[in-house]
PDB file of all heavy atoms in Angstrom:
ATOM      1  N   SER A   1      47.279  50.095  -0.505  1.00  0.00           N
ATOM      2  CA  SER A   1      48.703  50.050  -0.226  1.00  0.00           C
ATOM      3  C   SER A   1      49.546  50.900  -1.182  1.00  0.00           C
ATOM      4  O   SER A   1      50.545  51.422  -0.806  1.00  0.00           O
ATOM      5  CB  SER A   1      49.155  48.656  -0.261  1.00  0.00           C
ATOM      6  OG  SER A   1      48.894  48.055  -1.494  1.00  0.00           O
ATOM      7  N   ARG A   2      48.919  51.253  -2.395  1.00  0.00           N
ATOM      8  CA  ARG A   2      49.546  52.084  -3.399  1.00  0.00           C
ATOM      9  C   ARG A   2      49.646  53.485  -2.870  1.00  0.00           C
ATOM     10  O   ARG A   2      50.476  54.275  -3.406  1.00  0.00           O
ATOM     11  CB  ARG A   2      48.866  52.023  -4.745  1.00  0.00           C
ATOM     12  CG  ARG A   2      48.819  50.679  -5.395  1.00  0.00           C
ATOM     13  CD  ARG A   2      50.167  50.352  -6.154  1.00  0.00           C
ATOM     14  NE  ARG A   2      50.240  51.202  -7.314  1.00  0.00           N
ATOM     15  CZ  ARG A   2      49.652  50.817  -8.461  1.00  0.00           C
ATOM     16  NH1 ARG A   2      49.001  49.733  -8.627  1.00  0.00           N
ATOM     17  NH2 ARG A   2      49.783  51.570  -9.580  1.00  0.00           N
ATOM     18  N   ASP A   3      48.824  53.834  -1.961  1.00  0.00           N
ATOM     19  CA  ASP A   3      48.716  55.195  -1.424  1.00  0.00           C
ATOM     20  C   ASP A   3      49.127  55.241   0.090  1.00  0.00           C
ATOM     21  O   ASP A   3      48.596  56.058   0.872  1.00  0.00           O
ATOM     22  CB  ASP A   3      47.345  55.902  -1.678  1.00  0.00           C
ATOM     23  CG  ASP A   3      47.432  57.338  -1.702  1.00  0.00           C
ATOM     24  OD1 ASP A   3      48.534  57.893  -1.985  1.00  0.00           O
ATOM     25  OD2 ASP A   3      46.395  58.034  -1.680  1.00  0.00           O
ATOM     26  N   ALA A   4      50.030  54.298   0.470  1.00  0.00           N
ATOM     27  CA  ALA A   4      50.384  54.286   1.892  1.00  0.00           C
ATOM     28  C   ALA A   4      51.869  54.170   2.053  1.00  0.00           C
ATOM     29  O   ALA A   4      52.614  53.831   1.168  1.00  0.00           O
ATOM     30  CB  ALA A   4      49.765  52.900   2.493  1.00  0.00           C
ATOM     31  N   MET A   5      52.354  54.619   3.206  1.00  0.00           N
ATOM     32  CA  MET A   5      53.790  54.530   3.511  1.00  0.00           C
ATOM     33  C   MET A   5      53.888  53.631   4.755  1.00  0.00           C
ATOM     34  O   MET A   5      53.069  53.805   5.751  1.00  0.00           O
ATOM     35  CB  MET A   5      54.378  55.915   3.784  1.00  0.00           C
ATOM     36  CG  MET A   5      55.823  55.885   4.169  1.00  0.00           C
ATOM     37  SD  MET A   5      56.472  57.534   4.494  1.00  0.00           S
ATOM     38  CE  MET A   5      58.271  57.239   4.732  1.00  0.00           C
ATOM     39  N   ALA A   6      54.770  52.710   4.815  1.00  0.00           N
ATOM     40  CA  ALA A   6      55.064  51.861   5.930  1.00  0.00           C
ATOM     41  C   ALA A   6      56.190  52.584   6.704  1.00  0.00           C
ATOM     42  O   ALA A   6      57.291  52.906   6.094  1.00  0.00           O
ATOM     43  CB  ALA A   6      55.471  50.549   5.548  1.00  0.00           C
ATOM     44  N   TYR A   7      56.074  52.780   7.982  1.00  0.00           N
ATOM     45  CA  TYR A   7      57.110  53.406   8.799  1.00  0.00           C
ATOM     46  C   TYR A   7      57.433  52.473   9.867  1.00  0.00           C
ATOM     47  O   TYR A   7      56.665  52.160  10.776  1.00  0.00           O
ATOM     48  CB  TYR A   7      56.501  54.747   9.431  1.00  0.00           C
ATOM     49  CG  TYR A   7      57.656  55.714   9.891  1.00  0.00           C
ATOM     50  CD1 TYR A   7      58.121  56.820   9.153  1.00  0.00           C
ATOM     51  CD2 TYR A   7      58.181  55.523  11.185  1.00  0.00           C
ATOM     52  CE1 TYR A   7      59.078  57.580   9.663  1.00  0.00           C
ATOM     53  CE2 TYR A   7      59.117  56.374  11.684  1.00  0.00           C
ATOM     54  CZ  TYR A   7      59.511  57.413  10.939  1.00  0.00           C
ATOM     55  OH  TYR A   7      60.607  58.334  11.410  1.00  0.00           O
ATOM     56  N   VAL A   8      58.695  51.935   9.837  1.00  0.00           N
ATOM     57  CA  VAL A   8      59.131  50.910  10.677  1.00  0.00           C
ATOM     58  C   VAL A   8      59.931  51.355  11.854  1.00  0.00           C
ATOM     59  O   VAL A   8      60.991  52.127  11.546  1.00  0.00           O
ATOM     60  CB  VAL A   8      59.931  49.816   9.949  1.00  0.00           C
ATOM     61  CG1 VAL A   8      60.396  48.652  10.797  1.00  0.00           C
ATOM     62  CG2 VAL A   8      59.142  49.322   8.790  1.00  0.00           C
ATOM     63  N   LEU A   9      59.487  51.174  13.056  1.00  0.00           N
ATOM     64  CA  LEU A   9      60.337  51.658  14.255  1.00  0.00           C
ATOM     65  C   LEU A   9      61.364  50.617  14.607  1.00  0.00           C
ATOM     66  O   LEU A   9      60.996  49.523  15.009  1.00  0.00           O
ATOM     67  CB  LEU A   9      59.272  51.897  15.400  1.00  0.00           C
ATOM     68  CG  LEU A   9      58.207  52.927  15.096  1.00  0.00           C
ATOM     69  CD1 LEU A   9      57.053  52.796  16.151  1.00  0.00           C
ATOM     70  CD2 LEU A   9      58.743  54.267  15.026  1.00  0.00           C
ATOM     71  N   ALA A  10      62.611  50.992  14.396  1.00  0.00           N
ATOM     72  CA  ALA A  10      63.631  50.026  14.575  1.00  0.00           C
ATOM     73  C   ALA A  10      64.811  50.469  15.408  1.00  0.00           C
ATOM     74  O   ALA A  10      65.976  50.133  15.248  1.00  0.00           O
ATOM     75  CB  ALA A  10      64.180  49.622  13.219  1.00  0.00           C
ATOM     76  N   GLY A  11      64.439  51.410  16.347  1.00  0.00           N
ATOM     77  CA  GLY A  11      65.499  51.955  17.209  1.00  0.00           C
ATOM     78  C   GLY A  11      65.824  51.373  18.567  1.00  0.00           C
ATOM     79  O   GLY A  11      66.607  51.776  19.309  1.00  0.00           O
ATOM     80  N   GLY A  12      64.935  50.317  18.972  1.00  0.00           N
ATOM     81  CA  GLY A  12      64.993  49.648  20.192  1.00  0.00           C
ATOM     82  C   GLY A  12      66.232  48.796  20.426  1.00  0.00           C
ATOM     83  O   GLY A  12      66.693  48.149  19.498  1.00  0.00           O
ATOM     84  N   ARG A  13      66.686  48.771  21.605  1.00  0.00           N
ATOM     85  CA  ARG A  13      67.847  47.940  21.916  1.00  0.00           C
ATOM     86  C   ARG A  13      67.472  46.426  22.045  1.00  0.00           C
ATOM     87  O   ARG A  13      68.191  45.534  21.620  1.00  0.00           O
ATOM     88  CB  ARG A  13      68.467  48.393  23.298  1.00  0.00           C
ATOM     89  CG  ARG A  13      69.545  47.396  23.741  1.00  0.00           C
ATOM     90  CD  ARG A  13      70.446  47.763  24.917  1.00  0.00           C
ATOM     91  NE  ARG A  13      71.327  46.711  25.164  1.00  0.00           N
ATOM     92  CZ  ARG A  13      72.266  46.739  26.083  1.00  0.00           C
ATOM     93  NH1 ARG A  13      72.379  47.802  26.844  1.00  0.00           N
ATOM     94  NH2 ARG A  13      73.091  45.751  26.278  1.00  0.00           N
ATOM     95  N   GLY A  14      66.400  46.154  22.793  1.00  0.00           N
ATOM     96  CA  GLY A  14      66.054  44.730  23.057  1.00  0.00           C
ATOM     97  C   GLY A  14      66.975  44.192  24.135  1.00  0.00           C
ATOM     98  O   GLY A  14      67.684  43.179  23.999  1.00  0.00           O
ATOM     99  N   SER A  15      67.003  44.921  25.278  1.00  0.00           N
ATOM    100  CA  SER A  15      67.932  44.532  26.383  1.00  0.00           C
ATOM    101  C   SER A  15      67.800  43.164  26.941  1.00  0.00           C
ATOM    102  O   SER A  15      68.655  42.597  27.516  1.00  0.00           O
ATOM    103  CB  SER A  15      67.841  45.585  27.516  1.00  0.00           C
ATOM    104  OG  SER A  15      66.547  45.675  27.968  1.00  0.00           O
ATOM    105  N   ARG A  16      66.573  42.611  26.826  1.00  0.00           N
ATOM    106  CA  ARG A  16      66.315  41.257  27.347  1.00  0.00           C
ATOM    107  C   ARG A  16      67.077  40.157  26.489  1.00  0.00           C
ATOM    108  O   ARG A  16      67.129  39.091  27.011  1.00  0.00           O
ATOM    109  CB  ARG A  16      64.799  40.903  27.266  1.00  0.00           C
ATOM    110  CG  ARG A  16      64.058  41.732  28.358  1.00  0.00           C
ATOM    111  CD  ARG A  16      62.578  41.414  28.402  1.00  0.00           C
ATOM    112  NE  ARG A  16      61.951  41.701  26.960  1.00  0.00           N
ATOM    113  CZ  ARG A  16      60.949  41.096  26.521  1.00  0.00           C
ATOM    114  NH1 ARG A  16      60.261  40.243  27.288  1.00  0.00           N
ATOM    115  NH2 ARG A  16      60.498  41.352  25.307  1.00  0.00           N
ATOM    116  N   LEU A  17      67.613  40.573  25.370  1.00  0.00           N
ATOM    117  CA  LEU A  17      68.426  39.576  24.608  1.00  0.00           C
ATOM    118  C   LEU A  17      69.926  39.659  25.075  1.00  0.00           C
ATOM    119  O   LEU A  17      70.773  39.006  24.424  1.00  0.00           O
ATOM    120  CB  LEU A  17      68.297  39.945  23.056  1.00  0.00           C
ATOM    121  CG  LEU A  17      67.090  39.453  22.437  1.00  0.00           C
ATOM    122  CD1 LEU A  17      66.853  39.940  20.969  1.00  0.00           C
ATOM    123  CD2 LEU A  17      66.929  37.923  22.456  1.00  0.00           C
ATOM    124  N   LYS A  18      70.122  40.431  26.087  1.00  0.00           N
ATOM    125  CA  LYS A  18      71.490  40.532  26.693  1.00  0.00           C
ATOM    126  C   LYS A  18      72.545  40.785  25.695  1.00  0.00           C
ATOM    127  O   LYS A  18      72.454  41.727  24.890  1.00  0.00           O
ATOM    128  CB  LYS A  18      71.700  39.176  27.461  1.00  0.00           C
ATOM    129  CG  LYS A  18      70.627  38.846  28.461  1.00  0.00           C
ATOM    130  CD  LYS A  18      70.425  39.886  29.559  1.00  0.00           C
ATOM    131  CE  LYS A  18      69.343  39.497  30.501  1.00  0.00           C
ATOM    132  NZ  LYS A  18      68.983  40.597  31.535  1.00  0.00           N
ATOM    133  N   GLU A  19      73.622  39.915  25.636  1.00  0.00           N
ATOM    134  CA  GLU A  19      74.765  40.187  24.918  1.00  0.00           C
ATOM    135  C   GLU A  19      74.497  40.142  23.364  1.00  0.00           C
ATOM    136  O   GLU A  19      75.276  40.669  22.563  1.00  0.00           O
ATOM    137  CB  GLU A  19      76.007  39.212  25.221  1.00  0.00           C
ATOM    138  CG  GLU A  19      76.604  39.433  26.546  1.00  0.00           C
ATOM    139  CD  GLU A  19      75.776  38.839  27.688  1.00  0.00           C
ATOM    140  OE1 GLU A  19      74.708  38.217  27.442  1.00  0.00           O
ATOM    141  OE2 GLU A  19      76.240  39.026  28.950  1.00  0.00           O
ATOM    142  N   LEU A  20      73.368  39.530  23.002  1.00  0.00           N
ATOM    143  CA  LEU A  20      73.058  39.463  21.445  1.00  0.00           C
ATOM    144  C   LEU A  20      72.799  40.861  20.893  1.00  0.00           C
ATOM    145  O   LEU A  20      73.008  41.081  19.762  1.00  0.00           O
ATOM    146  CB  LEU A  20      71.820  38.644  21.288  1.00  0.00           C
ATOM    147  CG  LEU A  20      72.003  37.147  20.998  1.00  0.00           C
ATOM    148  CD1 LEU A  20      70.610  36.448  20.713  1.00  0.00           C
ATOM    149  CD2 LEU A  20      73.003  36.830  19.916  1.00  0.00           C
ATOM    150  N   THR A  21      72.375  41.777  21.850  1.00  0.00           N
ATOM    151  CA  THR A  21      72.181  43.208  21.302  1.00  0.00           C
ATOM    152  C   THR A  21      73.230  44.183  21.849  1.00  0.00           C
ATOM    153  O   THR A  21      73.078  45.413  21.919  1.00  0.00           O
ATOM    154  CB  THR A  21      70.814  43.676  21.743  1.00  0.00           C
ATOM    155  OG1 THR A  21      70.565  43.450  23.131  1.00  0.00           O
ATOM    156  CG2 THR A  21      69.771  42.876  20.917  1.00  0.00           C
ATOM    157  N   ASP A  22      74.419  43.670  22.274  1.00  0.00           N
ATOM    158  CA  ASP A  22      75.502  44.523  22.680  1.00  0.00           C
ATOM    159  C   ASP A  22      76.094  45.301  21.501  1.00  0.00           C
ATOM    160  O   ASP A  22      76.566  46.402  21.613  1.00  0.00           O
ATOM    161  CB  ASP A  22      76.632  43.654  23.361  1.00  0.00           C
ATOM    162  CG  ASP A  22      76.370  43.516  24.816  1.00  0.00           C
ATOM    163  OD1 ASP A  22      75.281  44.008  25.358  1.00  0.00           O
ATOM    164  OD2 ASP A  22      77.159  42.891  25.503  1.00  0.00           O
ATOM    165  N   ARG A  23      76.016  44.709  20.269  1.00  0.00           N
ATOM    166  CA  ARG A  23      76.608  45.333  19.128  1.00  0.00           C
ATOM    167  C   ARG A  23      75.641  45.736  18.024  1.00  0.00           C
ATOM    168  O   ARG A  23      76.042  46.209  16.991  1.00  0.00           O
ATOM    169  CB  ARG A  23      77.631  44.397  18.540  1.00  0.00           C
ATOM    170  CG  ARG A  23      78.886  44.085  19.450  1.00  0.00           C
ATOM    171  CD  ARG A  23      79.875  43.208  18.751  1.00  0.00           C
ATOM    172  NE  ARG A  23      81.079  42.996  19.614  1.00  0.00           N
ATOM    173  CZ  ARG A  23      82.092  42.209  19.279  1.00  0.00           C
ATOM    174  NH1 ARG A  23      82.063  41.548  18.132  1.00  0.00           N
ATOM    175  NH2 ARG A  23      83.028  41.990  20.119  1.00  0.00           N
ATOM    176  N   ARG A  24      74.375  45.288  18.231  1.00  0.00           N
ATOM    177  CA  ARG A  24      73.343  45.529  17.193  1.00  0.00           C
ATOM    178  C   ARG A  24      72.028  45.846  17.853  1.00  0.00           C
ATOM    179  O   ARG A  24      71.769  45.262  18.953  1.00  0.00           O
ATOM    180  CB  ARG A  24      73.320  44.309  16.286  1.00  0.00           C
ATOM    181  CG  ARG A  24      72.964  43.057  16.977  1.00  0.00           C
ATOM    182  CD  ARG A  24      72.962  41.875  15.984  1.00  0.00           C
ATOM    183  NE  ARG A  24      74.255  41.324  15.697  1.00  0.00           N
ATOM    184  CZ  ARG A  24      74.839  40.395  16.477  1.00  0.00           C
ATOM    185  NH1 ARG A  24      74.297  39.926  17.591  1.00  0.00           N
ATOM    186  NH2 ARG A  24      76.116  39.918  16.131  1.00  0.00           N
ATOM    187  N   ALA A  25      71.155  46.557  17.217  1.00  0.00           N
ATOM    188  CA  ALA A  25      69.829  46.740  17.631  1.00  0.00           C
ATOM    189  C   ALA A  25      69.033  45.466  17.470  1.00  0.00           C
ATOM    190  O   ALA A  25      69.313  44.635  16.625  1.00  0.00           O
ATOM    191  CB  ALA A  25      69.131  47.864  16.847  1.00  0.00           C
ATOM    192  N   LYS A  26      67.975  45.295  18.187  1.00  0.00           N
ATOM    193  CA  LYS A  26      67.129  44.056  18.152  1.00  0.00           C
ATOM    194  C   LYS A  26      66.658  43.770  16.782  1.00  0.00           C
ATOM    195  O   LYS A  26      66.710  42.559  16.351  1.00  0.00           O
ATOM    196  CB  LYS A  26      65.982  44.131  19.240  1.00  0.00           C
ATOM    197  CG  LYS A  26      65.134  42.885  19.215  1.00  0.00           C
ATOM    198  CD  LYS A  26      63.982  43.024  20.170  1.00  0.00           C
ATOM    199  CE  LYS A  26      62.938  41.888  20.046  1.00  0.00           C
ATOM    200  NZ  LYS A  26      61.758  42.112  20.826  1.00  0.00           N
ATOM    201  N   PRO A  27      66.123  44.786  16.004  1.00  0.00           N
ATOM    202  CA  PRO A  27      65.732  44.391  14.726  1.00  0.00           C
ATOM    203  C   PRO A  27      66.786  43.826  13.724  1.00  0.00           C
ATOM    204  O   PRO A  27      66.475  43.202  12.725  1.00  0.00           O
ATOM    205  CB  PRO A  27      65.147  45.776  14.151  1.00  0.00           C
ATOM    206  CG  PRO A  27      64.860  46.548  15.306  1.00  0.00           C
ATOM    207  CD  PRO A  27      65.836  46.171  16.386  1.00  0.00           C
TER     208      PRO A  27
END
């Protein structure tokens, strides 16, 4: 882990959460 990079994909909307993701991304 000392020689690793974590790359987190956090661009999704999460449309199945309906209005909870109207103003924010699912993450």
